[in-house]
């Protein structure tokens, strides 16, 4: 019986691990930055920019606009509002398990619903951390999680991605880019090859011989007609299937 329960527990843990492993957000476009650390450095550079409701950069932000702006640099498109952003990524159950780059959510000034979001900037001992966010009064800034206002309003956290996922995505996109470039080059070479073949075919194609006619007038002879058109008497005879030099008034002669 003990073995049976142990198997069930292990199976449950494995399933939970599998679900969590898949629950990190998919990177759907080429990341501009290569790690969580680089994203946080980018976020830090936005300090001092003002808060503006509904703004998502580059010169002003609201809280969810700021997190969305930063995560776009990693090829991830977060939902627009702080209420919807907890739908992304993997749940971080305890504060002590937080990592840099995790999203942290806080209750709004009214009610129990999520009303604010920031990004864990630095993990400290135990449950303590610093987070970077768009403050309504001070704009983009780094704040201590132990600040009384935020400590009592902390609600939940989500892990959106990892350095490993970012590296894998970069490798995938670079490979796809390389393959696309190769296909484009092959198409270009094929197009050039076809054009060259067409050119060679055109050059090797016999030139069409232009034909014109001469109507025999009074006094015309094959000799003076040949002089006029720069050909020989024999050529005129061959072109017109003449057996001798006889021609008649009004006769149409082919001149090539």
C-alpha atoms as a PDB file:
ATOM      1  CA  UNK A   1       0.000   0.000   0.000  1.00  0.00           C
ATOM      2  CA  UNK A   2       2.847   2.362   0.922  1.00  0.00           C
ATOM      3  CA  UNK A   3       4.532   1.720  -2.415  1.00  0.00           C
ATOM      4  CA  UNK A   4       1.270   2.462  -4.246  1.00  0.00           C
ATOM      5  CA  UNK A   5       0.848   5.845  -2.496  1.00  0.00           C
ATOM      6  CA  UNK A   6       4.506   6.679  -3.082  1.00  0.00           C
ATOM      7  CA  UNK A   7       4.076   6.004  -6.811  1.00  0.00           C
ATOM      8  CA  UNK A   8       0.983   8.252  -6.929  1.00  0.00           C
ATOM      9  CA  UNK A   9       2.808  11.063  -5.105  1.00  0.00           C
ATOM     10  CA  UNK A  10       5.839  10.835  -7.400  1.00  0.00           C
ATOM     11  CA  UNK A  11       3.559  10.800 -10.451  1.00  0.00           C
ATOM     12  CA  UNK A  12       1.737  13.884  -9.141  1.00  0.00           C
ATOM     13  CA  UNK A  13       5.044  15.727  -8.540  1.00  0.00           C
ATOM     14  CA  UNK A  14       6.261  14.804 -12.033  1.00  0.00           C
ATOM     15  CA  UNK A  15       3.012  16.045 -13.616  1.00  0.00           C
ATOM     16  CA  UNK A  16       3.205  19.304 -11.662  1.00  0.00           C
ATOM     17  CA  UNK A  17       6.825  19.769 -12.706  1.00  0.00           C
ATOM     18  CA  UNK A  18       5.864  19.083 -16.330  1.00  0.00           C
ATOM     19  CA  UNK A  19       3.004  21.612 -16.194  1.00  0.00           C
ATOM     20  CA  UNK A  20       5.253  24.257 -14.630  1.00  0.00           C
ATOM     21  CA  UNK A  21       8.025  23.577 -17.140  1.00  0.00           C
ATOM     22  CA  UNK A  22       5.583  24.225 -19.980  1.00  0.00           C
ATOM     23  CA  UNK A  23       3.896  27.201 -18.336  1.00  0.00           C
ATOM     24  CA  UNK A  24       6.700  29.703 -18.928  1.00  0.00           C
ATOM     25  CA  UNK A  25       5.787  32.158 -21.631  1.00  0.00           C
ATOM     26  CA  UNK A  26       6.647  31.269 -25.232  1.00  0.00           C
ATOM     27  CA  UNK A  27       9.110  33.610 -26.933  1.00  0.00           C
ATOM     28  CA  UNK A  28       7.421  34.412 -30.234  1.00  0.00           C
ATOM     29  CA  UNK A  29       9.813  36.912 -31.820  1.00  0.00           C
ATOM     30  CA  UNK A  30      13.574  37.401 -31.992  1.00  0.00           C
ATOM     31  CA  UNK A  31      14.812  38.685 -28.585  1.00  0.00           C
ATOM     32  CA  UNK A  32      16.741  41.954 -28.743  1.00  0.00           C
ATOM     33  CA  UNK A  33      18.426  41.131 -25.419  1.00  0.00           C
ATOM     34  CA  UNK A  34      20.093  37.860 -24.443  1.00  0.00           C
ATOM     35  CA  UNK A  35      19.292  37.444 -20.742  1.00  0.00           C
ATOM     36  CA  UNK A  36      17.133  38.509 -17.785  1.00  0.00           C
ATOM     37  CA  UNK A  37      20.108  40.514 -16.504  1.00  0.00           C
ATOM     38  CA  UNK A  38      20.303  42.519 -19.741  1.00  0.00           C
ATOM     39  CA  UNK A  39      16.551  43.180 -19.561  1.00  0.00           C
ATOM     40  CA  UNK A  40      16.933  44.500 -15.986  1.00  0.00           C
ATOM     41  CA  UNK A  41      19.820  46.723 -17.055  1.00  0.00           C
ATOM     42  CA  UNK A  42      17.583  48.073 -19.818  1.00  0.00           C
ATOM     43  CA  UNK A  43      14.757  48.619 -17.288  1.00  0.00           C
ATOM     44  CA  UNK A  44      17.155  50.450 -14.948  1.00  0.00           C
ATOM     45  CA  UNK A  45      18.027  52.905 -17.738  1.00  0.00           C
ATOM     46  CA  UNK A  46      14.350  53.980 -17.873  1.00  0.00           C
ATOM     47  CA  UNK A  47      14.530  55.391 -14.329  1.00  0.00           C
ATOM     48  CA  UNK A  48      13.228  58.928 -13.974  1.00  0.00           C
ATOM     49  CA  UNK A  49      10.810  58.698 -16.894  1.00  0.00           C
ATOM     50  CA  UNK A  50       7.338  59.887 -15.821  1.00  0.00           C
ATOM     51  CA  UNK A  51       4.188  57.928 -15.086  1.00  0.00           C
ATOM     52  CA  UNK A  52       1.315  58.453 -17.503  1.00  0.00           C
ATOM     53  CA  UNK A  53      -1.868  56.390 -17.492  1.00  0.00           C
ATOM     54  CA  UNK A  54      -2.217  54.279 -20.653  1.00  0.00           C
ATOM     55  CA  UNK A  55       1.388  54.879 -21.790  1.00  0.00           C
ATOM     56  CA  UNK A  56       3.802  52.069 -22.630  1.00  0.00           C
ATOM     57  CA  UNK A  57       6.927  53.977 -23.646  1.00  0.00           C
ATOM     58  CA  UNK A  58       9.343  54.967 -24.723  1.00  0.00           C
ATOM     59  CA  UNK A  59       9.082  58.321 -22.911  1.00  0.00           C
ATOM     60  CA  UNK A  60       6.367  57.621 -20.302  1.00  0.00           C
ATOM     61  CA  UNK A  61       4.704  54.551 -18.781  1.00  0.00           C
ATOM     62  CA  UNK A  62       1.993  53.226 -16.565  1.00  0.00           C
ATOM     63  CA  UNK A  63       2.857  50.129 -14.479  1.00  0.00           C
ATOM     64  CA  UNK A  64       1.737  47.411 -16.922  1.00  0.00           C
ATOM     65  CA  UNK A  65       2.935  49.454 -19.895  1.00  0.00           C
ATOM     66  CA  UNK A  66       6.426  49.447 -18.349  1.00  0.00           C
ATOM     67  CA  UNK A  67       6.549  45.661 -17.746  1.00  0.00           C
ATOM     68  CA  UNK A  68       5.181  45.054 -21.245  1.00  0.00           C
ATOM     69  CA  UNK A  69       7.785  47.424 -22.742  1.00  0.00           C
ATOM     70  CA  UNK A  70      10.666  45.623 -20.970  1.00  0.00           C
ATOM     71  CA  UNK A  71       9.521  42.105 -21.840  1.00  0.00           C
ATOM     72  CA  UNK A  72       9.117  43.003 -25.505  1.00  0.00           C
ATOM     73  CA  UNK A  73      12.917  43.205 -25.545  1.00  0.00           C
ATOM     74  CA  UNK A  74      12.937  39.460 -24.810  1.00  0.00           C
ATOM     75  CA  UNK A  75      10.484  38.667 -27.616  1.00  0.00           C
ATOM     76  CA  UNK A  76       7.516  38.254 -25.233  1.00  0.00           C
ATOM     77  CA  UNK A  77       4.253  40.172 -25.590  1.00  0.00           C
ATOM     78  CA  UNK A  78       2.501  40.534 -22.227  1.00  0.00           C
ATOM     79  CA  UNK A  79      -1.183  41.402 -21.845  1.00  0.00           C
ATOM     80  CA  UNK A  80      -1.761  45.133 -21.582  1.00  0.00           C
ATOM     81  CA  UNK A  81      -3.310  45.473 -18.111  1.00  0.00           C
ATOM     82  CA  UNK A  82      -1.939  44.520 -14.679  1.00  0.00           C
ATOM     83  CA  UNK A  83      -5.149  42.519 -14.088  1.00  0.00           C
ATOM     84  CA  UNK A  84      -4.424  40.333 -17.135  1.00  0.00           C
ATOM     85  CA  UNK A  85      -0.645  39.984 -16.849  1.00  0.00           C
ATOM     86  CA  UNK A  86      -0.872  37.300 -14.074  1.00  0.00           C
ATOM     87  CA  UNK A  87      -2.274  35.004 -16.810  1.00  0.00           C
ATOM     88  CA  UNK A  88       1.268  34.761 -18.200  1.00  0.00           C
ATOM     89  CA  UNK A  89       4.047  32.480 -17.057  1.00  0.00           C
ATOM     90  CA  UNK A  90       4.424  30.232 -14.036  1.00  0.00           C
ATOM     91  CA  UNK A  91       3.185  30.872 -10.508  1.00  0.00           C
ATOM     92  CA  UNK A  92       5.834  31.576  -7.859  1.00  0.00           C
ATOM     93  CA  UNK A  93       4.193  30.359  -4.684  1.00  0.00           C
ATOM     94  CA  UNK A  94       6.501  31.839  -2.037  1.00  0.00           C
ATOM     95  CA  UNK A  95       8.376  35.144  -1.800  1.00  0.00           C
ATOM     96  CA  UNK A  96      11.566  33.338  -0.796  1.00  0.00           C
ATOM     97  CA  UNK A  97      11.547  31.585  -4.199  1.00  0.00           C
ATOM     98  CA  UNK A  98      11.412  34.799  -6.226  1.00  0.00           C
ATOM     99  CA  UNK A  99      14.111  35.460  -8.842  1.00  0.00           C
ATOM    100  CA  UNK A 100      15.251  38.553 -10.705  1.00  0.00           C
ATOM    101  CA  UNK A 101      12.913  39.235 -13.619  1.00  0.00           C
ATOM    102  CA  UNK A 102       9.777  37.788 -11.982  1.00  0.00           C
ATOM    103  CA  UNK A 103       6.634  39.910 -12.160  1.00  0.00           C
ATOM    104  CA  UNK A 104       5.223  40.910  -8.745  1.00  0.00           C
ATOM    105  CA  UNK A 105       1.599  42.001  -8.356  1.00  0.00           C
ATOM    106  CA  UNK A 106      -0.039  44.207  -5.742  1.00  0.00           C
ATOM    107  CA  UNK A 107      -3.592  45.050  -4.739  1.00  0.00           C
ATOM    108  CA  UNK A 108      -4.884  48.378  -5.888  1.00  0.00           C
ATOM    109  CA  UNK A 109      -5.718  51.179  -3.459  1.00  0.00           C
ATOM    110  CA  UNK A 110      -9.326  49.987  -3.591  1.00  0.00           C
ATOM    111  CA  UNK A 111     -10.499  46.373  -3.333  1.00  0.00           C
ATOM    112  CA  UNK A 112      -8.620  43.091  -3.428  1.00  0.00           C
ATOM    113  CA  UNK A 113      -7.994  42.857  -7.146  1.00  0.00           C
ATOM    114  CA  UNK A 114      -4.569  43.317  -8.733  1.00  0.00           C
ATOM    115  CA  UNK A 115      -3.977  46.999  -9.383  1.00  0.00           C
ATOM    116  CA  UNK A 116      -0.209  47.291  -9.759  1.00  0.00           C
ATOM    117  CA  UNK A 117       2.741  45.341 -11.204  1.00  0.00           C
ATOM    118  CA  UNK A 118       6.530  45.575 -11.111  1.00  0.00           C
ATOM    119  CA  UNK A 119       9.618  43.490 -11.959  1.00  0.00           C
ATOM    120  CA  UNK A 120      11.890  41.930  -9.332  1.00  0.00           C
ATOM    121  CA  UNK A 121      15.152  43.849  -9.766  1.00  0.00           C
ATOM    122  CA  UNK A 122      17.250  42.374  -6.956  1.00  0.00           C
ATOM    123  CA  UNK A 123      16.605  39.384  -4.672  1.00  0.00           C
ATOM    124  CA  UNK A 124      17.743  39.872  -1.074  1.00  0.00           C
ATOM    125  CA  UNK A 125      17.760  37.584   1.960  1.00  0.00           C
ATOM    126  CA  UNK A 126      14.629  35.611   2.818  1.00  0.00           C
ATOM    127  CA  UNK A 127      11.443  37.197   1.509  1.00  0.00           C
ATOM    128  CA  UNK A 128      12.982  40.584   0.789  1.00  0.00           C
ATOM    129  CA  UNK A 129      13.597  41.991  -2.680  1.00  0.00           C
ATOM    130  CA  UNK A 130      13.791  45.244  -4.635  1.00  0.00           C
ATOM    131  CA  UNK A 131      11.514  45.758  -7.604  1.00  0.00           C
ATOM    132  CA  UNK A 132      11.442  48.272 -10.448  1.00  0.00           C
ATOM    133  CA  UNK A 133       8.096  49.760 -11.426  1.00  0.00           C
ATOM    134  CA  UNK A 134       6.221  52.814 -12.672  1.00  0.00           C
ATOM    135  CA  UNK A 135       5.220  54.776  -9.558  1.00  0.00           C
ATOM    136  CA  UNK A 136       2.227  57.070 -10.070  1.00  0.00           C
ATOM    137  CA  UNK A 137       3.990  59.866  -8.173  1.00  0.00           C
ATOM    138  CA  UNK A 138       7.678  59.341  -9.046  1.00  0.00           C
ATOM    139  CA  UNK A 139       7.731  57.530 -12.397  1.00  0.00           C
ATOM    140  CA  UNK A 140      10.142  54.667 -13.077  1.00  0.00           C
ATOM    141  CA  UNK A 141      12.025  53.808  -9.897  1.00  0.00           C
ATOM    142  CA  UNK A 142      13.477  50.942  -7.837  1.00  0.00           C
ATOM    143  CA  UNK A 143      11.530  50.255  -4.625  1.00  0.00           C
ATOM    144  CA  UNK A 144      12.094  48.131  -1.518  1.00  0.00           C
ATOM    145  CA  UNK A 145       9.509  45.361  -1.102  1.00  0.00           C
ATOM    146  CA  UNK A 146       9.519  46.066   2.646  1.00  0.00           C
ATOM    147  CA  UNK A 147       8.035  49.536   2.129  1.00  0.00           C
ATOM    148  CA  UNK A 148       4.897  49.387   4.284  1.00  0.00           C
ATOM    149  CA  UNK A 149       2.564  50.431   1.447  1.00  0.00           C
ATOM    150  CA  UNK A 150       3.691  47.551  -0.795  1.00  0.00           C
ATOM    151  CA  UNK A 151       4.421  44.973   1.929  1.00  0.00           C
ATOM    152  CA  UNK A 152       0.771  44.887   3.018  1.00  0.00           C
ATOM    153  CA  UNK A 153      -0.534  44.926  -0.577  1.00  0.00           C
ATOM    154  CA  UNK A 154       1.612  42.105  -2.058  1.00  0.00           C
ATOM    155  CA  UNK A 155      -0.649  39.616  -3.827  1.00  0.00           C
ATOM    156  CA  UNK A 156       1.191  37.197  -6.156  1.00  0.00           C
ATOM    157  CA  UNK A 157       4.155  36.643  -8.510  1.00  0.00           C
ATOM    158  CA  UNK A 158       4.736  35.022 -11.903  1.00  0.00           C
ATOM    159  CA  UNK A 159       7.911  33.748 -13.586  1.00  0.00           C
ATOM    160  CA  UNK A 160       7.692  34.692 -17.240  1.00  0.00           C
ATOM    161  CA  UNK A 161      10.843  33.186 -18.738  1.00  0.00           C
ATOM    162  CA  UNK A 162      14.396  32.050 -17.998  1.00  0.00           C
ATOM    163  CA  UNK A 163      17.858  32.603 -19.464  1.00  0.00           C
ATOM    164  CA  UNK A 164      17.747  29.049 -20.802  1.00  0.00           C
ATOM    165  CA  UNK A 165      14.489  29.741 -22.683  1.00  0.00           C
ATOM    166  CA  UNK A 166      15.959  32.960 -24.086  1.00  0.00           C
ATOM    167  CA  UNK A 167      19.098  31.154 -25.308  1.00  0.00           C
ATOM    168  CA  UNK A 168      17.001  28.425 -26.931  1.00  0.00           C
ATOM    169  CA  UNK A 169      14.782  31.020 -28.637  1.00  0.00           C
ATOM    170  CA  UNK A 170      17.785  32.953 -29.936  1.00  0.00           C
ATOM    171  CA  UNK A 171      19.295  29.757 -31.316  1.00  0.00           C
ATOM    172  CA  UNK A 172      15.977  28.837 -32.982  1.00  0.00           C
ATOM    173  CA  UNK A 173      15.412  32.255 -34.549  1.00  0.00           C
ATOM    174  CA  UNK A 174      19.016  32.498 -35.784  1.00  0.00           C
ATOM    175  CA  UNK A 175      18.670  29.065 -37.398  1.00  0.00           C
ATOM    176  CA  UNK A 176      15.363  30.065 -39.044  1.00  0.00           C
ATOM    177  CA  UNK A 177      16.923  33.324 -40.244  1.00  0.00           C
ATOM    178  CA  UNK A 178      19.888  31.453 -41.706  1.00  0.00           C
ATOM    179  CA  UNK A 179      17.584  28.973 -43.486  1.00  0.00           C
ATOM    180  CA  UNK A 180      15.386  31.790 -44.830  1.00  0.00           C
ATOM    181  CA  UNK A 181      18.481  33.602 -46.110  1.00  0.00           C
ATOM    182  CA  UNK A 182      19.723  30.407 -47.780  1.00  0.00           C
ATOM    183  CA  UNK A 183      16.342  29.848 -49.478  1.00  0.00           C
ATOM    184  CA  UNK A 184      16.302  33.484 -50.668  1.00  0.00           C
ATOM    185  CA  UNK A 185      19.825  33.114 -52.088  1.00  0.00           C
ATOM    186  CA  UNK A 186      18.876  29.861 -53.839  1.00  0.00           C
ATOM    187  CA  UNK A 187      15.806  31.530 -55.354  1.00  0.00           C
ATOM    188  CA  UNK A 188      17.935  34.456 -56.482  1.00  0.00           C
ATOM    189  CA  UNK A 189      20.501  32.098 -58.042  1.00  0.00           C
ATOM    190  CA  UNK A 190      17.732  30.124 -59.786  1.00  0.00           C
ATOM    191  CA  UNK A 191      16.206  33.350 -61.123  1.00  0.00           C
ATOM    192  CA  UNK A 192      19.616  34.499 -62.398  1.00  0.00           C
ATOM    193  CA  UNK A 193      20.246  31.087 -63.958  1.00  0.00           C
ATOM    194  CA  UNK A 194      16.887  31.172 -65.771  1.00  0.00           C
ATOM    195  CA  UNK A 195      17.617  34.672 -67.081  1.00  0.00           C
ATOM    196  CA  UNK A 196      21.043  33.562 -68.313  1.00  0.00           C
ATOM    197  CA  UNK A 197      19.517  30.554 -70.066  1.00  0.00           C
ATOM    198  CA  UNK A 198      16.885  32.750 -71.689  1.00  0.00           C
ATOM    199  CA  UNK A 199      19.608  35.156 -72.816  1.00  0.00           C
ATOM    200  CA  UNK A 200      21.715  32.312 -74.278  1.00  0.00           C
ATOM    201  CA  UNK A 201      18.646  30.877 -76.010  1.00  0.00           C
ATOM    202  CA  UNK A 202      17.820  34.270 -77.453  1.00  0.00           C
ATOM    203  CA  UNK A 203      21.396  34.758 -78.637  1.00  0.00           C
ATOM    204  CA  UNK A 204      21.559  31.278 -80.201  1.00  0.00           C
ATOM    205  CA  UNK A 205      18.174  31.662 -81.927  1.00  0.00           C
ATOM    206  CA  UNK A 206      18.616  32.293 -85.673  1.00  0.00           C
ATOM    207  CA  UNK A 207      17.830  35.864 -86.640  1.00  0.00           C
ATOM    208  CA  UNK A 208      14.628  36.183 -88.572  1.00  0.00           C
ATOM    209  CA  UNK A 209      15.301  37.154 -92.174  1.00  0.00           C
ATOM    210  CA  UNK A 210      13.425  40.260 -93.205  1.00  0.00           C
ATOM    211  CA  UNK A 211      11.626  40.060 -96.522  1.00  0.00           C
ATOM    212  CA  UNK A 212      10.443  42.774 -98.853  1.00  0.00           C
ATOM    213  CA  UNK A 213       9.160  42.835-102.431  1.00  0.00           C
ATOM    214  CA  UNK A 214       9.956  44.751-105.582  1.00  0.00           C
ATOM    215  CA  UNK A 215       7.425  45.352-108.305  1.00  0.00           C
ATOM    216  CA  UNK A 216       9.056  45.135-111.720  1.00  0.00           C
ATOM    217  CA  UNK A 217       8.750  48.439-113.569  1.00  0.00           C
ATOM    218  CA  UNK A 218       9.467  49.400-117.158  1.00  0.00           C
ATOM    219  CA  UNK A 219      13.196  49.103-117.897  1.00  0.00           C
ATOM    220  CA  UNK A 220      13.969  46.897-114.904  1.00  0.00           C
ATOM    221  CA  UNK A 221      16.396  44.007-115.258  1.00  0.00           C
ATOM    222  CA  UNK A 222      17.582  41.536-112.665  1.00  0.00           C
ATOM    223  CA  UNK A 223      20.992  43.166-112.818  1.00  0.00           C
ATOM    224  CA  UNK A 224      19.881  46.743-112.012  1.00  0.00           C
ATOM    225  CA  UNK A 225      17.437  45.414-109.344  1.00  0.00           C
ATOM    226  CA  UNK A 226      20.296  43.494-107.660  1.00  0.00           C
ATOM    227  CA  UNK A 227      22.441  46.659-107.624  1.00  0.00           C
ATOM    228  CA  UNK A 228      19.616  48.676-106.077  1.00  0.00           C
ATOM    229  CA  UNK A 229      19.167  46.217-103.152  1.00  0.00           C
ATOM    230  CA  UNK A 230      22.820  45.209-102.681  1.00  0.00           C
ATOM    231  CA  UNK A 231      22.424  41.554-103.633  1.00  0.00           C
ATOM    232  CA  UNK A 232      23.314  39.368-106.590  1.00  0.00           C
ATOM    233  CA  UNK A 233      21.250  38.280-109.606  1.00  0.00           C
ATOM    234  CA  UNK A 234      21.606  34.629-108.551  1.00  0.00           C
ATOM    235  CA  UNK A 235      20.188  35.442-105.075  1.00  0.00           C
ATOM    236  CA  UNK A 236      17.120  37.120-106.612  1.00  0.00           C
ATOM    237  CA  UNK A 237      16.645  34.110-108.890  1.00  0.00           C
ATOM    238  CA  UNK A 238      16.968  31.694-105.945  1.00  0.00           C
ATOM    239  CA  UNK A 239      14.583  33.691-103.709  1.00  0.00           C
ATOM    240  CA  UNK A 240      11.960  33.757-106.454  1.00  0.00           C
ATOM    241  CA  UNK A 241      12.574  30.316-108.034  1.00  0.00           C
ATOM    242  CA  UNK A 242      13.453  31.882-111.421  1.00  0.00           C
ATOM    243  CA  UNK A 243      14.941  29.530-114.045  1.00  0.00           C
ATOM    244  CA  UNK A 244      16.435  32.340-116.119  1.00  0.00           C
ATOM    245  CA  UNK A 245      16.813  36.125-116.162  1.00  0.00           C
ATOM    246  CA  UNK A 246      13.353  36.725-117.660  1.00  0.00           C
ATOM    247  CA  UNK A 247      11.015  39.004-115.699  1.00  0.00           C
ATOM    248  CA  UNK A 248       7.761  40.707-116.670  1.00  0.00           C
ATOM    249  CA  UNK A 249       6.245  44.152-116.039  1.00  0.00           C
ATOM    250  CA  UNK A 250       4.333  44.260-112.707  1.00  0.00           C
ATOM    251  CA  UNK A 251       5.878  41.031-111.407  1.00  0.00           C
ATOM    252  CA  UNK A 252       6.420  40.910-107.596  1.00  0.00           C
ATOM    253  CA  UNK A 253       9.952  39.857-106.704  1.00  0.00           C
ATOM    254  CA  UNK A 254      10.917  38.790-103.147  1.00  0.00           C
ATOM    255  CA  UNK A 255      14.028  40.574-101.879  1.00  0.00           C
ATOM    256  CA  UNK A 256      15.593  39.220 -98.650  1.00  0.00           C
END
